[in-house]
Amino acid sequence: MSENFENNQEKKVEQLLENNPKKEIEQLQQEVKPANKKIIIFNFLLILVIFIGLFIYMIKVDGIDNIKEVLHQVDYKWVVARINLFSYSLDLRSQ
């Protein structure tokens, strides 16, 4: 039973060594088809339209003066802390 485990471990190590990140990237780039590109562009435009609509709605309902007031009251230390935490989590993922 331990021989099977060792064989499986050796196979996994060989597979990991064979998997070159450059090869994986090339494979992923080859998998992007024109239909997928159209879907990606459509999704991007849809998200852009939604954000523009939300922004216009915020200005119409709250008014630009209230939005400016809120932005002046924001404690930007929390924004910086969140960005640092996000970059730290990305570093952990890449390791």
N, C-alpha and C. Protein backbone atom coordinates (compact mmCIF):
# COMPACT_ATOMS: atom_id res chain seq x y z
N MET A 1 0.82 -1.18 0.00
CA MET A 1 0.00 0.00 0.00
C MET A 1 0.87 1.25 0.00
N SER A 2 1.96 1.21 0.75
CA SER A 2 2.84 2.38 0.77
C SER A 2 3.54 2.55 -0.58
N GLU A 3 3.73 1.44 -1.32
CA GLU A 3 4.35 1.54 -2.64
C GLU A 3 3.42 2.30 -3.60
N ASN A 4 2.12 2.01 -3.52
CA ASN A 4 1.16 2.73 -4.36
C ASN A 4 1.16 4.23 -4.04
N PHE A 5 1.23 4.51 -2.75
CA PHE A 5 1.25 5.91 -2.33
C PHE A 5 2.50 6.61 -2.87
N GLU A 6 3.65 5.95 -2.75
CA GLU A 6 4.90 6.53 -3.25
C GLU A 6 4.87 6.70 -4.76
N ASN A 7 4.31 5.72 -5.46
CA ASN A 7 4.20 5.82 -6.92
C ASN A 7 3.31 6.99 -7.32
N ASN A 8 2.20 7.13 -6.60
CA ASN A 8 1.29 8.24 -6.89
C ASN A 8 1.97 9.58 -6.63
N GLN A 9 2.73 9.65 -5.54
CA GLN A 9 3.43 10.88 -5.22
C GLN A 9 4.48 11.21 -6.29
N GLU A 10 5.20 10.19 -6.74
CA GLU A 10 6.20 10.40 -7.78
C GLU A 10 5.55 10.88 -9.08
N LYS A 11 4.39 10.30 -9.41
CA LYS A 11 3.68 10.72 -10.62
C LYS A 11 3.24 12.17 -10.51
N LYS A 12 2.75 12.54 -9.33
CA LYS A 12 2.31 13.92 -9.13
C LYS A 12 3.47 14.90 -9.27
N VAL A 13 4.62 14.52 -8.70
CA VAL A 13 5.79 15.39 -8.80
C VAL A 13 6.22 15.52 -10.25
N GLU A 14 6.21 14.41 -10.99
CA GLU A 14 6.58 14.46 -12.41
C GLU A 14 5.62 15.35 -13.19
N GLN A 15 4.32 15.24 -12.88
CA GLN A 15 3.34 16.07 -13.57
C GLN A 15 3.56 17.54 -13.26
N LEU A 16 3.87 17.84 -12.00
CA LEU A 16 4.12 19.23 -11.63
C LEU A 16 5.36 19.78 -12.32
N LEU A 17 6.38 18.93 -12.44
CA LEU A 17 7.59 19.38 -13.12
C LEU A 17 7.36 19.58 -14.61
N GLU A 18 6.49 18.75 -15.18
CA GLU A 18 6.19 18.86 -16.61
C GLU A 18 5.34 20.09 -16.90
N ASN A 19 4.48 20.46 -15.94
CA ASN A 19 3.60 21.61 -16.14
C ASN A 19 4.42 22.89 -16.01
N ASN A 20 4.74 23.44 -17.12
CA ASN A 20 5.49 24.68 -17.19
C ASN A 20 4.48 25.83 -17.26
N PRO A 21 4.62 26.86 -16.42
CA PRO A 21 3.66 27.97 -16.46
C PRO A 21 3.56 28.62 -17.84
N LYS A 22 4.67 28.68 -18.57
CA LYS A 22 4.61 29.28 -19.91
C LYS A 22 3.75 28.45 -20.83
N LYS A 23 3.86 27.12 -20.71
CA LYS A 23 3.03 26.24 -21.54
C LYS A 23 1.55 26.41 -21.19
N GLU A 24 1.27 26.53 -19.89
CA GLU A 24 -0.12 26.70 -19.46
C GLU A 24 -0.70 28.01 -20.00
N ILE A 25 0.10 29.07 -19.97
CA ILE A 25 -0.37 30.36 -20.49
C ILE A 25 -0.63 30.27 -21.98
N GLU A 26 0.27 29.61 -22.69
CA GLU A 26 0.07 29.44 -24.14
C GLU A 26 -1.19 28.65 -24.44
N GLN A 27 -1.44 27.60 -23.65
CA GLN A 27 -2.64 26.81 -23.85
C GLN A 27 -3.89 27.64 -23.59
N LEU A 28 -3.85 28.46 -22.53
CA LEU A 28 -5.01 29.30 -22.22
C LEU A 28 -5.24 30.33 -23.32
N GLN A 29 -4.16 30.88 -23.87
CA GLN A 29 -4.32 31.86 -24.93
C GLN A 29 -4.88 31.23 -26.19
N GLN A 30 -4.54 29.99 -26.44
CA GLN A 30 -5.06 29.30 -27.60
C GLN A 30 -6.54 28.95 -27.42
N GLU A 31 -6.97 28.80 -26.17
CA GLU A 31 -8.36 28.42 -25.91
C GLU A 31 -9.32 29.58 -26.07
N VAL A 32 -8.83 30.83 -26.10
CA VAL A 32 -9.71 31.99 -26.27
C VAL A 32 -10.14 32.03 -27.73
N LYS A 33 -11.41 31.80 -27.93
CA LYS A 33 -11.96 31.76 -29.28
C LYS A 33 -12.64 33.08 -29.58
N PRO A 34 -12.91 33.36 -30.85
CA PRO A 34 -13.59 34.62 -31.18
C PRO A 34 -14.94 34.77 -30.49
N ALA A 35 -15.66 33.68 -30.32
CA ALA A 35 -16.95 33.76 -29.64
C ALA A 35 -16.76 34.18 -28.19
N ASN A 36 -15.69 33.67 -27.57
CA ASN A 36 -15.40 34.06 -26.19
C ASN A 36 -15.02 35.54 -26.11
N LYS A 37 -14.31 36.03 -27.10
CA LYS A 37 -13.95 37.45 -27.11
C LYS A 37 -15.19 38.32 -27.21
N LYS A 38 -16.15 37.90 -28.01
CA LYS A 38 -17.40 38.66 -28.13
C LYS A 38 -18.14 38.68 -26.80
N ILE A 39 -18.15 37.56 -26.11
CA ILE A 39 -18.82 37.49 -24.81
C ILE A 39 -18.11 38.38 -23.80
N ILE A 40 -16.78 38.38 -23.82
CA ILE A 40 -16.01 39.21 -22.90
C ILE A 40 -16.30 40.69 -23.15
N ILE A 41 -16.32 41.09 -24.41
CA ILE A 41 -16.61 42.49 -24.74
C ILE A 41 -18.03 42.85 -24.32
N PHE A 42 -18.98 41.96 -24.57
CA PHE A 42 -20.37 42.22 -24.17
C PHE A 42 -20.48 42.37 -22.66
N ASN A 43 -19.83 41.49 -21.91
CA ASN A 43 -19.87 41.57 -20.45
C ASN A 43 -19.26 42.87 -19.94
N PHE A 44 -18.13 43.27 -20.53
CA PHE A 44 -17.50 44.52 -20.13
C PHE A 44 -18.42 45.70 -20.40
N LEU A 45 -19.02 45.75 -21.57
CA LEU A 45 -19.94 46.85 -21.89
C LEU A 45 -21.16 46.86 -20.98
N LEU A 46 -21.67 45.68 -20.66
CA LEU A 46 -22.83 45.59 -19.76
C LEU A 46 -22.48 46.14 -18.38
N ILE A 47 -21.32 45.76 -17.85
CA ILE A 47 -20.91 46.26 -16.54
C ILE A 47 -20.70 47.77 -16.59
N LEU A 48 -20.11 48.27 -17.67
CA LEU A 48 -19.88 49.70 -17.82
C LEU A 48 -21.21 50.46 -17.84
N VAL A 49 -22.18 49.96 -18.58
CA VAL A 49 -23.50 50.61 -18.65
C VAL A 49 -24.17 50.61 -17.27
N ILE A 50 -24.05 49.50 -16.54
CA ILE A 50 -24.66 49.43 -15.21
C ILE A 50 -24.02 50.45 -14.27
N PHE A 51 -22.67 50.56 -14.28
CA PHE A 51 -22.01 51.53 -13.41
C PHE A 51 -22.36 52.96 -13.79
N ILE A 52 -22.44 53.26 -15.07
CA ILE A 52 -22.82 54.61 -15.49
C ILE A 52 -24.25 54.91 -15.04
N GLY A 53 -25.14 53.94 -15.20
CA GLY A 53 -26.52 54.12 -14.76
C GLY A 53 -26.62 54.34 -13.26
N LEU A 54 -25.85 53.58 -12.48
CA LEU A 54 -25.87 53.76 -11.03
C LEU A 54 -25.32 55.13 -10.64
N PHE A 55 -24.28 55.57 -11.32
CA PHE A 55 -23.71 56.87 -11.02
C PHE A 55 -24.71 57.98 -11.32
N ILE A 56 -25.38 57.91 -12.46
CA ILE A 56 -26.39 58.92 -12.81
C ILE A 56 -27.54 58.89 -11.80
N TYR A 57 -27.96 57.70 -11.39
CA TYR A 57 -29.03 57.56 -10.40
C TYR A 57 -28.62 58.18 -9.08
N MET A 58 -27.37 57.93 -8.64
CA MET A 58 -26.90 58.51 -7.38
C MET A 58 -26.93 60.03 -7.44
N ILE A 59 -26.47 60.59 -8.54
CA ILE A 59 -26.45 62.05 -8.66
C ILE A 59 -27.87 62.60 -8.68
N LYS A 60 -28.77 61.91 -9.36
CA LYS A 60 -30.16 62.38 -9.47
C LYS A 60 -30.88 62.31 -8.12
N VAL A 61 -30.66 61.23 -7.36
CA VAL A 61 -31.38 61.04 -6.10
C VAL A 61 -30.73 61.84 -4.97
N ASP A 62 -29.42 61.67 -4.79
CA ASP A 62 -28.74 62.32 -3.66
C ASP A 62 -28.27 63.73 -3.99
N GLY A 63 -27.94 63.98 -5.19
CA GLY A 63 -27.38 65.28 -5.56
C GLY A 63 -25.87 65.25 -5.41
N ILE A 64 -25.22 66.01 -6.25
CA ILE A 64 -23.76 66.03 -6.26
C ILE A 64 -23.19 66.64 -4.98
N ASP A 65 -23.93 67.56 -4.36
CA ASP A 65 -23.45 68.20 -3.13
C ASP A 65 -23.35 67.19 -1.98
N ASN A 66 -24.33 66.33 -1.86
CA ASN A 66 -24.30 65.31 -0.80
C ASN A 66 -23.17 64.30 -1.05
N ILE A 67 -22.93 63.96 -2.29
CA ILE A 67 -21.85 63.02 -2.62
C ILE A 67 -20.51 63.64 -2.28
N LYS A 68 -20.32 64.93 -2.60
CA LYS A 68 -19.07 65.62 -2.24
C LYS A 68 -18.89 65.65 -0.73
N GLU A 69 -19.97 65.91 -0.01
CA GLU A 69 -19.90 65.97 1.46
C GLU A 69 -19.48 64.63 2.05
N VAL A 70 -20.01 63.56 1.53
CA VAL A 70 -19.65 62.23 2.02
C VAL A 70 -18.19 61.93 1.71
N LEU A 71 -17.73 62.30 0.53
CA LEU A 71 -16.34 62.06 0.17
C LEU A 71 -15.37 62.87 1.03
N HIS A 72 -15.81 64.03 1.50
CA HIS A 72 -14.95 64.83 2.39
C HIS A 72 -14.92 64.24 3.79
N GLN A 73 -15.95 63.50 4.19
CA GLN A 73 -16.03 62.92 5.53
C GLN A 73 -15.36 61.55 5.63
N VAL A 74 -14.99 60.98 4.52
CA VAL A 74 -14.42 59.63 4.51
C VAL A 74 -13.07 59.62 5.19
N ASP A 75 -12.82 58.59 6.01
CA ASP A 75 -11.52 58.39 6.62
C ASP A 75 -10.70 57.50 5.68
N TYR A 76 -9.79 58.10 4.95
CA TYR A 76 -9.07 57.40 3.89
C TYR A 76 -8.04 56.40 4.42
N LYS A 77 -7.78 56.42 5.74
CA LYS A 77 -6.89 55.42 6.32
C LYS A 77 -7.45 54.02 6.10
N TRP A 78 -8.77 53.89 6.16
CA TRP A 78 -9.40 52.59 5.97
C TRP A 78 -9.26 52.12 4.52
N VAL A 79 -9.30 53.05 3.59
CA VAL A 79 -9.13 52.71 2.17
C VAL A 79 -7.72 52.19 1.94
N VAL A 80 -6.74 52.89 2.50
CA VAL A 80 -5.34 52.48 2.35
C VAL A 80 -5.12 51.13 3.01
N ALA A 81 -5.71 50.92 4.18
CA ALA A 81 -5.57 49.64 4.87
C ALA A 81 -6.16 48.51 4.04
N ARG A 82 -7.28 48.74 3.41
CA ARG A 82 -7.91 47.70 2.59
C ARG A 82 -7.06 47.37 1.37
N ILE A 83 -6.47 48.39 0.75
CA ILE A 83 -5.62 48.16 -0.42
C ILE A 83 -4.40 47.35 0.00
N ASN A 84 -3.81 47.69 1.15
CA ASN A 84 -2.66 46.93 1.64
C ASN A 84 -3.03 45.49 1.94
N LEU A 85 -4.18 45.27 2.53
CA LEU A 85 -4.63 43.92 2.84
C LEU A 85 -4.86 43.13 1.56
N PHE A 86 -5.42 43.77 0.54
CA PHE A 86 -5.67 43.11 -0.74
C PHE A 86 -4.36 42.72 -1.41
N SER A 87 -3.38 43.62 -1.41
CA SER A 87 -2.10 43.31 -2.04
C SER A 87 -1.38 42.21 -1.27
N TYR A 88 -1.53 42.19 0.05
CA TYR A 88 -0.92 41.13 0.86
C TYR A 88 -1.54 39.77 0.53
N SER A 89 -2.86 39.75 0.35
CA SER A 89 -3.52 38.47 0.02
C SER A 89 -3.11 38.00 -1.37
N LEU A 90 -2.88 38.93 -2.31
CA LEU A 90 -2.39 38.53 -3.64
C LEU A 90 -1.00 37.93 -3.55
N ASP A 91 -0.16 38.50 -2.69
CA ASP A 91 1.19 37.96 -2.51
C ASP A 91 1.13 36.55 -1.94
N LEU A 92 0.22 36.31 -1.02
CA LEU A 92 0.09 34.97 -0.45
C LEU A 92 -0.37 33.96 -1.49
N ARG A 93 -1.25 34.37 -2.37
CA ARG A 93 -1.76 33.47 -3.41
C ARG A 93 -0.68 33.11 -4.41
N SER A 94 0.22 34.03 -4.68
CA SER A 94 1.24 33.77 -5.69
C SER A 94 2.34 32.84 -5.17
N GLN A 95 2.42 32.67 -3.87
CA GLN A 95 3.46 31.79 -3.32
C GLN A 95 3.11 30.36 -3.39
